[in-house]
Amino acid sequence: MARAGQFRERAYFERLDKTAVDVLDNPATDAWTAIGDRPARLIPMRGNEKPVAGSVAGVHSFELRVRSSAFTRSITTHDRVKVDGVVYQIRATHETEKPGLWVYALERGVAQ
């Protein structure tokens, strides 16, 4: 099990609210709702470039580690996470070989 001192950041998980509407009663495009937060450890992995809309955009990959729980296992790639005010897209989730540890593969610098 990971030591509590390793989880120095706070991860705020958000889910897109599909029931939210804008002033014209259309589905809101940026209606993210907070669903919970957990102590976490954000680990930079590597940066690379991806073609986006005809140009090249820098993409940064991260690994986010949290303690495994029913809540953290319910987070999917349709959700997103904020750490220190920065929004990250969740690209994959999995449990590690260490019992009680859940990991998210994140990217920053890409469209949602």
PDB file of N, CA and C in Angstrom:
ATOM      1  N   MET A   1       0.844  -1.179   0.000  1.00  0.00           N
ATOM      2  CA  MET A   1       0.000   0.000   0.000  1.00  0.00           C
ATOM      3  C   MET A   1       0.889   1.242   0.000  1.00  0.00           C
ATOM      4  N   ALA A   2       0.467   2.243  -0.718  1.00  0.00           N
ATOM      5  CA  ALA A   2       1.219   3.492  -0.807  1.00  0.00           C
ATOM      6  C   ALA A   2       1.121   4.263   0.499  1.00  0.00           C
ATOM      7  N   ARG A   3       2.165   4.981   0.807  1.00  0.00           N
ATOM      8  CA  ARG A   3       2.177   5.791   2.031  1.00  0.00           C
ATOM      9  C   ARG A   3       1.360   7.053   1.838  1.00  0.00           C
ATOM     10  N   ALA A   4       0.732   7.499   2.904  1.00  0.00           N
ATOM     11  CA  ALA A   4      -0.125   8.683   2.829  1.00  0.00           C
ATOM     12  C   ALA A   4       0.664   9.927   2.427  1.00  0.00           C
ATOM     13  N   GLY A   5       1.929  10.022   2.798  1.00  0.00           N
ATOM     14  CA  GLY A   5       2.739  11.181   2.478  1.00  0.00           C
ATOM     15  C   GLY A   5       3.013  11.354   0.990  1.00  0.00           C
ATOM     16  N   GLN A   6       2.781  10.308   0.199  1.00  0.00           N
ATOM     17  CA  GLN A   6       2.997  10.404  -1.241  1.00  0.00           C
ATOM     18  C   GLN A   6       1.877  11.168  -1.936  1.00  0.00           C
ATOM     19  N   PHE A   7       0.715  11.255  -1.318  1.00  0.00           N
ATOM     20  CA  PHE A   7      -0.442  11.902  -1.924  1.00  0.00           C
ATOM     21  C   PHE A   7      -0.490  13.360  -1.485  1.00  0.00           C
ATOM     22  N   ARG A   8       0.252  14.207  -2.183  1.00  0.00           N
ATOM     23  CA  ARG A   8       0.396  15.612  -1.764  1.00  0.00           C
ATOM     24  C   ARG A   8      -0.535  16.557  -2.512  1.00  0.00           C
ATOM     25  N   GLU A   9      -1.052  16.138  -3.658  1.00  0.00           N
ATOM     26  CA  GLU A   9      -1.977  16.978  -4.412  1.00  0.00           C
ATOM     27  C   GLU A   9      -3.416  16.574  -4.074  1.00  0.00           C
ATOM     28  N   ARG A  10      -4.337  17.424  -4.483  1.00  0.00           N
ATOM     29  CA  ARG A  10      -5.764  17.115  -4.337  1.00  0.00           C
ATOM     30  C   ARG A  10      -6.351  17.031  -5.743  1.00  0.00           C
ATOM     31  N   ALA A  11      -6.960  15.912  -6.070  1.00  0.00           N
ATOM     32  CA  ALA A  11      -7.567  15.703  -7.377  1.00  0.00           C
ATOM     33  C   ALA A  11      -9.072  15.902  -7.261  1.00  0.00           C
ATOM     34  N   TYR A  12      -9.604  16.779  -8.114  1.00  0.00           N
ATOM     35  CA  TYR A  12     -11.037  17.078  -8.130  1.00  0.00           C
ATOM     36  C   TYR A  12     -11.622  16.474  -9.403  1.00  0.00           C
ATOM     37  N   PHE A  13     -12.481  15.484  -9.248  1.00  0.00           N
ATOM     38  CA  PHE A  13     -13.063  14.777 -10.378  1.00  0.00           C
ATOM     39  C   PHE A  13     -14.363  15.445 -10.796  1.00  0.00           C
ATOM     40  N   GLU A  14     -14.571  15.542 -12.111  1.00  0.00           N
ATOM     41  CA  GLU A  14     -15.762  16.185 -12.660  1.00  0.00           C
ATOM     42  C   GLU A  14     -16.381  15.304 -13.731  1.00  0.00           C
ATOM     43  N   ARG A  15     -17.704  15.395 -13.837  1.00  0.00           N
ATOM     44  CA  ARG A  15     -18.456  14.642 -14.847  1.00  0.00           C
ATOM     45  C   ARG A  15     -19.310  15.619 -15.639  1.00  0.00           C
ATOM     46  N   LEU A  16     -19.428  15.382 -16.935  1.00  0.00           N
ATOM     47  CA  LEU A  16     -20.234  16.239 -17.796  1.00  0.00           C
ATOM     48  C   LEU A  16     -21.703  16.061 -17.439  1.00  0.00           C
ATOM     49  N   ASP A  17     -22.374  17.177 -17.154  1.00  0.00           N
ATOM     50  CA  ASP A  17     -23.788  17.167 -16.789  1.00  0.00           C
ATOM     51  C   ASP A  17     -24.605  17.264 -18.070  1.00  0.00           C
ATOM     52  N   LYS A  18     -25.164  16.149 -18.500  1.00  0.00           N
ATOM     53  CA  LYS A  18     -25.901  16.111 -19.764  1.00  0.00           C
ATOM     54  C   LYS A  18     -27.293  16.728 -19.647  1.00  0.00           C
ATOM     55  N   THR A  19     -27.736  17.049 -18.432  1.00  0.00           N
ATOM     56  CA  THR A  19     -29.055  17.661 -18.269  1.00  0.00           C
ATOM     57  C   THR A  19     -28.988  19.179 -18.269  1.00  0.00           C
ATOM     58  N   ALA A  20     -27.790  19.752 -18.205  1.00  0.00           N
ATOM     59  CA  ALA A  20     -27.638  21.207 -18.169  1.00  0.00           C
ATOM     60  C   ALA A  20     -27.967  21.801 -19.537  1.00  0.00           C
ATOM     61  N   VAL A  21     -28.582  22.970 -19.514  1.00  0.00           N
ATOM     62  CA  VAL A  21     -28.936  23.665 -20.752  1.00  0.00           C
ATOM     63  C   VAL A  21     -28.448  25.102 -20.684  1.00  0.00           C
ATOM     64  N   ASP A  22     -28.260  25.716 -21.864  1.00  0.00           N
ATOM     65  CA  ASP A  22     -27.851  27.119 -21.911  1.00  0.00           C
ATOM     66  C   ASP A  22     -29.094  28.013 -21.942  1.00  0.00           C
ATOM     67  N   VAL A  23     -28.897  29.306 -22.180  1.00  0.00           N
ATOM     68  CA  VAL A  23     -30.001  30.267 -22.133  1.00  0.00           C
ATOM     69  C   VAL A  23     -31.031  30.028 -23.240  1.00  0.00           C
ATOM     70  N   LEU A  24     -30.652  29.337 -24.305  1.00  0.00           N
ATOM     71  CA  LEU A  24     -31.579  29.039 -25.395  1.00  0.00           C
ATOM     72  C   LEU A  24     -32.180  27.641 -25.275  1.00  0.00           C
ATOM     73  N   ASP A  25     -31.992  27.019 -24.106  1.00  0.00           N
ATOM     74  CA  ASP A  25     -32.513  25.684 -23.818  1.00  0.00           C
ATOM     75  C   ASP A  25     -31.853  24.583 -24.650  1.00  0.00           C
ATOM     76  N   ASN A  26     -30.636  24.860 -25.137  1.00  0.00           N
ATOM     77  CA  ASN A  26     -29.845  23.854 -25.831  1.00  0.00           C
ATOM     78  C   ASN A  26     -28.946  23.156 -24.816  1.00  0.00           C
ATOM     79  N   PRO A  27     -28.524  21.925 -25.090  1.00  0.00           N
ATOM     80  CA  PRO A  27     -27.602  21.259 -24.165  1.00  0.00           C
ATOM     81  C   PRO A  27     -26.330  22.091 -23.978  1.00  0.00           C
ATOM     82  N   ALA A  28     -25.938  22.319 -22.742  1.00  0.00           N
ATOM     83  CA  ALA A  28     -24.731  23.098 -22.450  1.00  0.00           C
ATOM     84  C   ALA A  28     -23.502  22.288 -22.848  1.00  0.00           C
ATOM     85  N   THR A  29     -22.528  22.952 -23.448  1.00  0.00           N
ATOM     86  CA  THR A  29     -21.340  22.246 -23.917  1.00  0.00           C
ATOM     87  C   THR A  29     -20.240  22.159 -22.859  1.00  0.00           C
ATOM     88  N   ASP A  30     -20.278  23.011 -21.869  1.00  0.00           N
ATOM     89  CA  ASP A  30     -19.218  23.009 -20.855  1.00  0.00           C
ATOM     90  C   ASP A  30     -19.820  22.971 -19.449  1.00  0.00           C
ATOM     91  N   ALA A  31     -20.694  22.010 -19.223  1.00  0.00           N
ATOM     92  CA  ALA A  31     -21.380  21.905 -17.931  1.00  0.00           C
ATOM     93  C   ALA A  31     -20.794  20.757 -17.118  1.00  0.00           C
ATOM     94  N   TRP A  32     -19.590  20.956 -16.610  1.00  0.00           N
ATOM     95  CA  TRP A  32     -18.936  19.934 -15.794  1.00  0.00           C
ATOM     96  C   TRP A  32     -19.352  20.105 -14.346  1.00  0.00           C
ATOM     97  N   THR A  33     -19.717  19.008 -13.693  1.00  0.00           N
ATOM     98  CA  THR A  33     -20.166  19.020 -12.308  1.00  0.00           C
ATOM     99  C   THR A  33     -19.169  18.263 -11.450  1.00  0.00           C
ATOM    100  N   ALA A  34     -18.806  18.843 -10.316  1.00  0.00           N
ATOM    101  CA  ALA A  34     -17.887  18.172  -9.387  1.00  0.00           C
ATOM    102  C   ALA A  34     -18.576  16.938  -8.810  1.00  0.00           C
ATOM    103  N   ILE A  35     -17.860  15.813  -8.807  1.00  0.00           N
ATOM    104  CA  ILE A  35     -18.433  14.585  -8.256  1.00  0.00           C
ATOM    105  C   ILE A  35     -17.645  14.056  -7.068  1.00  0.00           C
ATOM    106  N   GLY A  36     -16.496  14.648  -6.792  1.00  0.00           N
ATOM    107  CA  GLY A  36     -15.725  14.220  -5.630  1.00  0.00           C
ATOM    108  C   GLY A  36     -14.268  14.591  -5.755  1.00  0.00           C
ATOM    109  N   ASP A  37     -13.554  14.457  -4.649  1.00  0.00           N
ATOM    110  CA  ASP A  37     -12.122  14.734  -4.658  1.00  0.00           C
ATOM    111  C   ASP A  37     -11.407  13.741  -3.764  1.00  0.00           C
ATOM    112  N   ARG A  38     -10.152  13.561  -4.051  1.00  0.00           N
ATOM    113  CA  ARG A  38      -9.316  12.616  -3.313  1.00  0.00           C
ATOM    114  C   ARG A  38      -7.886  13.130  -3.249  1.00  0.00           C
ATOM    115  N   PRO A  39      -7.144  12.768  -2.194  1.00  0.00           N
ATOM    116  CA  PRO A  39      -5.703  13.032  -2.180  1.00  0.00           C
ATOM    117  C   PRO A  39      -5.061  12.199  -3.296  1.00  0.00           C
ATOM    118  N   ALA A  40      -4.066  12.772  -3.959  1.00  0.00           N
ATOM    119  CA  ALA A  40      -3.494  12.090  -5.121  1.00  0.00           C
ATOM    120  C   ALA A  40      -2.026  12.432  -5.288  1.00  0.00           C
ATOM    121  N   ARG A  41      -1.395  11.694  -6.181  1.00  0.00           N
ATOM    122  CA  ARG A  41      -0.013  11.959  -6.572  1.00  0.00           C
ATOM    123  C   ARG A  41       0.020  12.059  -8.090  1.00  0.00           C
ATOM    124  N   LEU A  42       0.433  13.208  -8.600  1.00  0.00           N
ATOM    125  CA  LEU A  42       0.514  13.455 -10.036  1.00  0.00           C
ATOM    126  C   LEU A  42       1.961  13.284 -10.473  1.00  0.00           C
ATOM    127  N   ILE A  43       2.185  12.399 -11.438  1.00  0.00           N
ATOM    128  CA  ILE A  43       3.530  12.084 -11.903  1.00  0.00           C
ATOM    129  C   ILE A  43       3.638  12.399 -13.393  1.00  0.00           C
ATOM    130  N   PRO A  44       4.503  13.354 -13.782  1.00  0.00           N
ATOM    131  CA  PRO A  44       4.688  13.626 -15.212  1.00  0.00           C
ATOM    132  C   PRO A  44       5.343  12.431 -15.892  1.00  0.00           C
ATOM    133  N   MET A  45       4.852  12.093 -17.093  1.00  0.00           N
ATOM    134  CA  MET A  45       5.407  10.947 -17.813  1.00  0.00           C
ATOM    135  C   MET A  45       6.288  11.419 -18.969  1.00  0.00           C
ATOM    136  N   ARG A  46       5.684  12.030 -19.973  1.00  0.00           N
ATOM    137  CA  ARG A  46       6.452  12.496 -21.114  1.00  0.00           C
ATOM    138  C   ARG A  46       5.592  13.464 -21.916  1.00  0.00           C
ATOM    139  N   GLY A  47       6.243  14.215 -22.756  1.00  0.00           N
ATOM    140  CA  GLY A  47       5.530  15.102 -23.659  1.00  0.00           C
ATOM    141  C   GLY A  47       5.733  14.629 -25.081  1.00  0.00           C
ATOM    142  N   ASN A  48       4.736  14.863 -25.918  1.00  0.00           N
ATOM    143  CA  ASN A  48       4.877  14.534 -27.339  1.00  0.00           C
ATOM    144  C   ASN A  48       3.977  15.468 -28.131  1.00  0.00           C
ATOM    145  N   GLU A  49       3.908  15.250 -29.406  1.00  0.00           N
ATOM    146  CA  GLU A  49       3.086  16.104 -30.260  1.00  0.00           C
ATOM    147  C   GLU A  49       2.081  15.259 -31.016  1.00  0.00           C
ATOM    148  N   LYS A  50       0.880  15.833 -31.195  1.00  0.00           N
ATOM    149  CA  LYS A  50      -0.169  15.167 -31.953  1.00  0.00           C
ATOM    150  C   LYS A  50      -0.722  16.132 -32.983  1.00  0.00           C
ATOM    151  N   PRO A  51      -1.103  15.618 -34.154  1.00  0.00           N
ATOM    152  CA  PRO A  51      -1.739  16.501 -35.135  1.00  0.00           C
ATOM    153  C   PRO A  51      -3.153  16.853 -34.683  1.00  0.00           C
ATOM    154  N   VAL A  52      -3.448  18.140 -34.619  1.00  0.00           N
ATOM    155  CA  VAL A  52      -4.760  18.620 -34.207  1.00  0.00           C
ATOM    156  C   VAL A  52      -5.189  19.714 -35.169  1.00  0.00           C
ATOM    157  N   ALA A  53      -6.297  19.492 -35.870  1.00  0.00           N
ATOM    158  CA  ALA A  53      -6.873  20.485 -36.787  1.00  0.00           C
ATOM    159  C   ALA A  53      -5.847  21.028 -37.774  1.00  0.00           C
ATOM    160  N   GLY A  54      -5.073  20.145 -38.372  1.00  0.00           N
ATOM    161  CA  GLY A  54      -4.142  20.556 -39.401  1.00  0.00           C
ATOM    162  C   GLY A  54      -2.821  21.114 -38.910  1.00  0.00           C
ATOM    163  N   SER A  55      -2.635  21.194 -37.593  1.00  0.00           N
ATOM    164  CA  SER A  55      -1.348  21.649 -37.066  1.00  0.00           C
ATOM    165  C   SER A  55      -0.900  20.676 -35.985  1.00  0.00           C
ATOM    166  N   VAL A  56       0.252  20.915 -35.426  1.00  0.00           N
ATOM    167  CA  VAL A  56       0.791  20.034 -34.397  1.00  0.00           C
ATOM    168  C   VAL A  56       0.635  20.705 -33.041  1.00  0.00           C
ATOM    169  N   ALA A  57       0.099  19.957 -32.071  1.00  0.00           N
ATOM    170  CA  ALA A  57      -0.103  20.486 -30.725  1.00  0.00           C
ATOM    171  C   ALA A  57       0.700  19.658 -29.727  1.00  0.00           C
ATOM    172  N   GLY A  58       1.269  20.324 -28.737  1.00  0.00           N
ATOM    173  CA  GLY A  58       2.012  19.623 -27.703  1.00  0.00           C
ATOM    174  C   GLY A  58       1.067  18.946 -26.728  1.00  0.00           C
ATOM    175  N   VAL A  59       1.346  17.696 -26.405  1.00  0.00           N
ATOM    176  CA  VAL A  59       0.523  16.921 -25.482  1.00  0.00           C
ATOM    177  C   VAL A  59       1.438  16.413 -24.374  1.00  0.00           C
ATOM    178  N   HIS A  60       1.001  16.573 -23.140  1.00  0.00           N
ATOM    179  CA  HIS A  60       1.776  16.134 -21.984  1.00  0.00           C
ATOM    180  C   HIS A  60       1.022  15.007 -21.292  1.00  0.00           C
ATOM    181  N   SER A  61       1.711  13.912 -21.010  1.00  0.00           N
ATOM    182  CA  SER A  61       1.104  12.755 -20.367  1.00  0.00           C
ATOM    183  C   SER A  61       1.490  12.709 -18.897  1.00  0.00           C
ATOM    184  N   PHE A  62       0.548  12.257 -18.074  1.00  0.00           N
ATOM    185  CA  PHE A  62       0.743  12.165 -16.636  1.00  0.00           C
ATOM    186  C   PHE A  62       0.124  10.878 -16.131  1.00  0.00           C
ATOM    187  N   GLU A  63       0.547  10.492 -14.944  1.00  0.00           N
ATOM    188  CA  GLU A  63      -0.074   9.392 -14.233  1.00  0.00           C
ATOM    189  C   GLU A  63      -0.574   9.955 -12.919  1.00  0.00           C
ATOM    190  N   LEU A  64      -1.814   9.676 -12.571  1.00  0.00           N
ATOM    191  CA  LEU A  64      -2.405  10.132 -11.321  1.00  0.00           C
ATOM    192  C   LEU A  64      -2.693   8.910 -10.474  1.00  0.00           C
ATOM    193  N   ARG A  65      -2.137   8.892  -9.278  1.00  0.00           N
ATOM    194  CA  ARG A  65      -2.341   7.760  -8.368  1.00  0.00           C
ATOM    195  C   ARG A  65      -3.202   8.192  -7.190  1.00  0.00           C
ATOM    196  N   VAL A  66      -4.186   7.362  -6.869  1.00  0.00           N
ATOM    197  CA  VAL A  66      -5.069   7.583  -5.727  1.00  0.00           C
ATOM    198  C   VAL A  66      -5.294   6.246  -5.031  1.00  0.00           C
ATOM    199  N   ARG A  67      -5.831   6.305  -3.832  1.00  0.00           N
ATOM    200  CA  ARG A  67      -6.198   5.067  -3.153  1.00  0.00           C
ATOM    201  C   ARG A  67      -7.437   4.488  -3.822  1.00  0.00           C
ATOM    202  N   SER A  68      -7.450   3.186  -3.980  1.00  0.00           N
ATOM    203  CA  SER A  68      -8.574   2.512  -4.612  1.00  0.00           C
ATOM    204  C   SER A  68      -9.788   2.520  -3.685  1.00  0.00           C
ATOM    205  N   SER A  69     -10.943   2.853  -4.244  1.00  0.00           N
ATOM    206  CA  SER A  69     -12.212   2.829  -3.513  1.00  0.00           C
ATOM    207  C   SER A  69     -13.321   2.654  -4.538  1.00  0.00           C
ATOM    208  N   ALA A  70     -14.534   2.459  -4.070  1.00  0.00           N
ATOM    209  CA  ALA A  70     -15.663   2.342  -4.998  1.00  0.00           C
ATOM    210  C   ALA A  70     -15.779   3.609  -5.838  1.00  0.00           C
ATOM    211  N   PHE A  71     -15.541   4.768  -5.222  1.00  0.00           N
ATOM    212  CA  PHE A  71     -15.619   6.030  -5.961  1.00  0.00           C
ATOM    213  C   PHE A  71     -14.538   6.115  -7.033  1.00  0.00           C
ATOM    214  N   THR A  72     -13.291   5.866  -6.678  1.00  0.00           N
ATOM    215  CA  THR A  72     -12.214   6.022  -7.657  1.00  0.00           C
ATOM    216  C   THR A  72     -12.330   4.998  -8.781  1.00  0.00           C
ATOM    217  N   ARG A  73     -12.874   3.822  -8.499  1.00  0.00           N
ATOM    218  CA  ARG A  73     -13.072   2.828  -9.553  1.00  0.00           C
ATOM    219  C   ARG A  73     -14.240   3.190 -10.459  1.00  0.00           C
ATOM    220  N   SER A  74     -15.128   4.090 -10.013  1.00  0.00           N
ATOM    221  CA  SER A  74     -16.278   4.484 -10.846  1.00  0.00           C
ATOM    222  C   SER A  74     -15.930   5.582 -11.851  1.00  0.00           C
ATOM    223  N   ILE A  75     -14.762   6.195 -11.728  1.00  0.00           N
ATOM    224  CA  ILE A  75     -14.334   7.243 -12.652  1.00  0.00           C
ATOM    225  C   ILE A  75     -13.981   6.597 -13.992  1.00  0.00           C
ATOM    226  N   THR A  76     -14.470   7.189 -15.081  1.00  0.00           N
ATOM    227  CA  THR A  76     -14.230   6.627 -16.412  1.00  0.00           C
ATOM    228  C   THR A  76     -13.499   7.633 -17.295  1.00  0.00           C
ATOM    229  N   THR A  77     -13.247   7.238 -18.518  1.00  0.00           N
ATOM    230  CA  THR A  77     -12.587   8.121 -19.472  1.00  0.00           C
ATOM    231  C   THR A  77     -13.519   9.219 -19.969  1.00  0.00           C
ATOM    232  N   HIS A  78     -14.786   9.162 -19.611  1.00  0.00           N
ATOM    233  CA  HIS A  78     -15.727  10.229 -19.961  1.00  0.00           C
ATOM    234  C   HIS A  78     -15.670  11.380 -18.956  1.00  0.00           C
ATOM    235  N   ASP A  79     -14.991  11.162 -17.837  1.00  0.00           N
ATOM    236  CA  ASP A  79     -14.845  12.177 -16.798  1.00  0.00           C
ATOM    237  C   ASP A  79     -13.539  12.932 -17.019  1.00  0.00           C
ATOM    238  N   ARG A  80     -13.310  13.936 -16.173  1.00  0.00           N
ATOM    239  CA  ARG A  80     -12.039  14.660 -16.204  1.00  0.00           C
ATOM    240  C   ARG A  80     -11.624  14.957 -14.768  1.00  0.00           C
ATOM    241  N   VAL A  81     -10.392  15.419 -14.611  1.00  0.00           N
ATOM    242  CA  VAL A  81      -9.872  15.704 -13.274  1.00  0.00           C
ATOM    243  C   VAL A  81      -9.112  17.025 -13.305  1.00  0.00           C
ATOM    244  N   LYS A  82      -9.192  17.764 -12.201  1.00  0.00           N
ATOM    245  CA  LYS A  82      -8.421  18.999 -12.031  1.00  0.00           C
ATOM    246  C   LYS A  82      -7.458  18.806 -10.871  1.00  0.00           C
ATOM    247  N   VAL A  83      -6.223  19.209 -11.115  1.00  0.00           N
ATOM    248  CA  VAL A  83      -5.205  19.195 -10.066  1.00  0.00           C
ATOM    249  C   VAL A  83      -4.518  20.550 -10.116  1.00  0.00           C
ATOM    250  N   ASP A  84      -4.513  21.266  -9.012  1.00  0.00           N
ATOM    251  CA  ASP A  84      -3.937  22.616  -8.940  1.00  0.00           C
ATOM    252  C   ASP A  84      -4.519  23.542 -10.006  1.00  0.00           C
ATOM    253  N   GLY A  85      -5.814  23.407 -10.282  1.00  0.00           N
ATOM    254  CA  GLY A  85      -6.494  24.271 -11.238  1.00  0.00           C
ATOM    255  C   GLY A  85      -6.277  23.919 -12.694  1.00  0.00           C
ATOM    256  N   VAL A  86      -5.501  22.877 -12.983  1.00  0.00           N
ATOM    257  CA  VAL A  86      -5.233  22.450 -14.352  1.00  0.00           C
ATOM    258  C   VAL A  86      -6.146  21.268 -14.684  1.00  0.00           C
ATOM    259  N   VAL A  87      -6.793  21.335 -15.846  1.00  0.00           N
ATOM    260  CA  VAL A  87      -7.701  20.279 -16.277  1.00  0.00           C
ATOM    261  C   VAL A  87      -6.934  19.219 -17.062  1.00  0.00           C
ATOM    262  N   TYR A  88      -7.176  17.955 -16.713  1.00  0.00           N
ATOM    263  CA  TYR A  88      -6.558  16.813 -17.396  1.00  0.00           C
ATOM    264  C   TYR A  88      -7.660  15.898 -17.916  1.00  0.00           C
ATOM    265  N   GLN A  89      -7.447  15.354 -19.101  1.00  0.00           N
ATOM    266  CA  GLN A  89      -8.368  14.376 -19.670  1.00  0.00           C
ATOM    267  C   GLN A  89      -7.923  12.988 -19.227  1.00  0.00           C
ATOM    268  N   ILE A  90      -8.862  12.170 -18.800  1.00  0.00           N
ATOM    269  CA  ILE A  90      -8.559  10.808 -18.373  1.00  0.00           C
ATOM    270  C   ILE A  90      -8.581   9.917 -19.609  1.00  0.00           C
ATOM    271  N   ARG A  91      -7.472   9.274 -19.909  1.00  0.00           N
ATOM    272  CA  ARG A  91      -7.361   8.427 -21.096  1.00  0.00           C
ATOM    273  C   ARG A  91      -7.482   6.941 -20.772  1.00  0.00           C
ATOM    274  N   ALA A  92      -7.171   6.534 -19.544  1.00  0.00           N
ATOM    275  CA  ALA A  92      -7.278   5.130 -19.148  1.00  0.00           C
ATOM    276  C   ALA A  92      -7.272   5.045 -17.626  1.00  0.00           C
ATOM    277  N   THR A  93      -7.825   3.965 -17.105  1.00  0.00           N
ATOM    278  CA  THR A  93      -7.811   3.721 -15.661  1.00  0.00           C
ATOM    279  C   THR A  93      -7.449   2.256 -15.425  1.00  0.00           C
ATOM    280  N   HIS A  94      -6.749   1.994 -14.343  1.00  0.00           N
ATOM    281  CA  HIS A  94      -6.434   0.607 -14.018  1.00  0.00           C
ATOM    282  C   HIS A  94      -5.927   0.500 -12.587  1.00  0.00           C
ATOM    283  N   GLU A  95      -6.003  -0.707 -12.064  1.00  0.00           N
ATOM    284  CA  GLU A  95      -5.461  -0.986 -10.749  1.00  0.00           C
ATOM    285  C   GLU A  95      -4.024  -1.442 -10.918  1.00  0.00           C
ATOM    286  N   THR A  96      -3.193  -1.132  -9.943  1.00  0.00           N
ATOM    287  CA  THR A  96      -1.789  -1.512 -10.043  1.00  0.00           C
ATOM    288  C   THR A  96      -1.547  -2.848  -9.361  1.00  0.00           C
ATOM    289  N   GLU A  97      -0.306  -3.301  -9.455  1.00  0.00           N
ATOM    290  CA  GLU A  97       0.066  -4.539  -8.775  1.00  0.00           C
ATOM    291  C   GLU A  97       0.117  -4.344  -7.262  1.00  0.00           C
ATOM    292  N   LYS A  98       0.222  -3.077  -6.834  1.00  0.00           N
ATOM    293  CA  LYS A  98       0.192  -2.795  -5.406  1.00  0.00           C
ATOM    294  C   LYS A  98      -1.261  -2.756  -4.947  1.00  0.00           C
ATOM    295  N   PRO A  99      -1.647  -3.550  -3.964  1.00  0.00           N
ATOM    296  CA  PRO A  99      -3.045  -3.552  -3.530  1.00  0.00           C
ATOM    297  C   PRO A  99      -3.463  -2.172  -3.004  1.00  0.00           C
ATOM    298  N   GLY A 100      -4.676  -1.793  -3.341  1.00  0.00           N
ATOM    299  CA  GLY A 100      -5.228  -0.553  -2.824  1.00  0.00           C
ATOM    300  C   GLY A 100      -4.842   0.698  -3.579  1.00  0.00           C
ATOM    301  N   LEU A 101      -4.174   0.572  -4.734  1.00  0.00           N
ATOM    302  CA  LEU A 101      -3.736   1.734  -5.498  1.00  0.00           C
ATOM    303  C   LEU A 101      -4.414   1.733  -6.860  1.00  0.00           C
ATOM    304  N   TRP A 102      -5.030   2.852  -7.229  1.00  0.00           N
ATOM    305  CA  TRP A 102      -5.718   3.007  -8.514  1.00  0.00           C
ATOM    306  C   TRP A 102      -4.994   4.072  -9.319  1.00  0.00           C
ATOM    307  N   VAL A 103      -4.853   3.861 -10.618  1.00  0.00           N
ATOM    308  CA  VAL A 103      -4.058   4.759 -11.461  1.00  0.00           C
ATOM    309  C   VAL A 103      -4.892   5.233 -12.652  1.00  0.00           C
ATOM    310  N   TYR A 104      -4.719   6.517 -12.984  1.00  0.00           N
ATOM    311  CA  TYR A 104      -5.338   7.099 -14.171  1.00  0.00           C
ATOM    312  C   TYR A 104      -4.227   7.586 -15.094  1.00  0.00           C
ATOM    313  N   ALA A 105      -4.357   7.296 -16.387  1.00  0.00           N
ATOM    314  CA  ALA A 105      -3.463   7.866 -17.395  1.00  0.00           C
ATOM    315  C   ALA A 105      -4.125   9.148 -17.870  1.00  0.00           C
ATOM    316  N   LEU A 106      -3.407  10.275 -17.760  1.00  0.00           N
ATOM    317  CA  LEU A 106      -3.972  11.585 -18.075  1.00  0.00           C
ATOM    318  C   LEU A 106      -3.210  12.243 -19.214  1.00  0.00           C
ATOM    319  N   GLU A 107      -3.893  13.180 -19.881  1.00  0.00           N
ATOM    320  CA  GLU A 107      -3.244  14.025 -20.879  1.00  0.00           C
ATOM    321  C   GLU A 107      -3.685  15.451 -20.662  1.00  0.00           C
ATOM    322  N   ARG A 108      -2.765  16.376 -20.928  1.00  0.00           N
ATOM    323  CA  ARG A 108      -3.052  17.803 -20.881  1.00  0.00           C
ATOM    324  C   ARG A 108      -2.609  18.399 -22.201  1.00  0.00           C
ATOM    325  N   GLY A 109      -3.392  19.313 -22.713  1.00  0.00           N
ATOM    326  CA  GLY A 109      -3.019  19.947 -23.972  1.00  0.00           C
ATOM    327  C   GLY A 109      -3.791  19.409 -25.152  1.00  0.00           C
ATOM    328  N   VAL A 110      -4.851  18.631 -24.886  1.00  0.00           N
ATOM    329  CA  VAL A 110      -5.676  18.103 -25.967  1.00  0.00           C
ATOM    330  C   VAL A 110      -7.112  18.571 -25.777  1.00  0.00           C
ATOM    331  N   ALA A 111      -7.863  18.529 -26.843  1.00  0.00           N
ATOM    332  CA  ALA A 111      -9.275  18.893 -26.762  1.00  0.00           C
ATOM    333  C   ALA A 111     -10.028  17.820 -25.999  1.00  0.00           C
ATOM    334  N   GLN A 112     -11.118  18.238 -25.382  1.00  0.00           N
ATOM    335  CA  GLN A 112     -11.929  17.301 -24.602  1.00  0.00           C
ATOM    336  C   GLN A 112     -12.703  16.447 -25.543  1.00  0.00           C
TER     337      GLN A 112
END
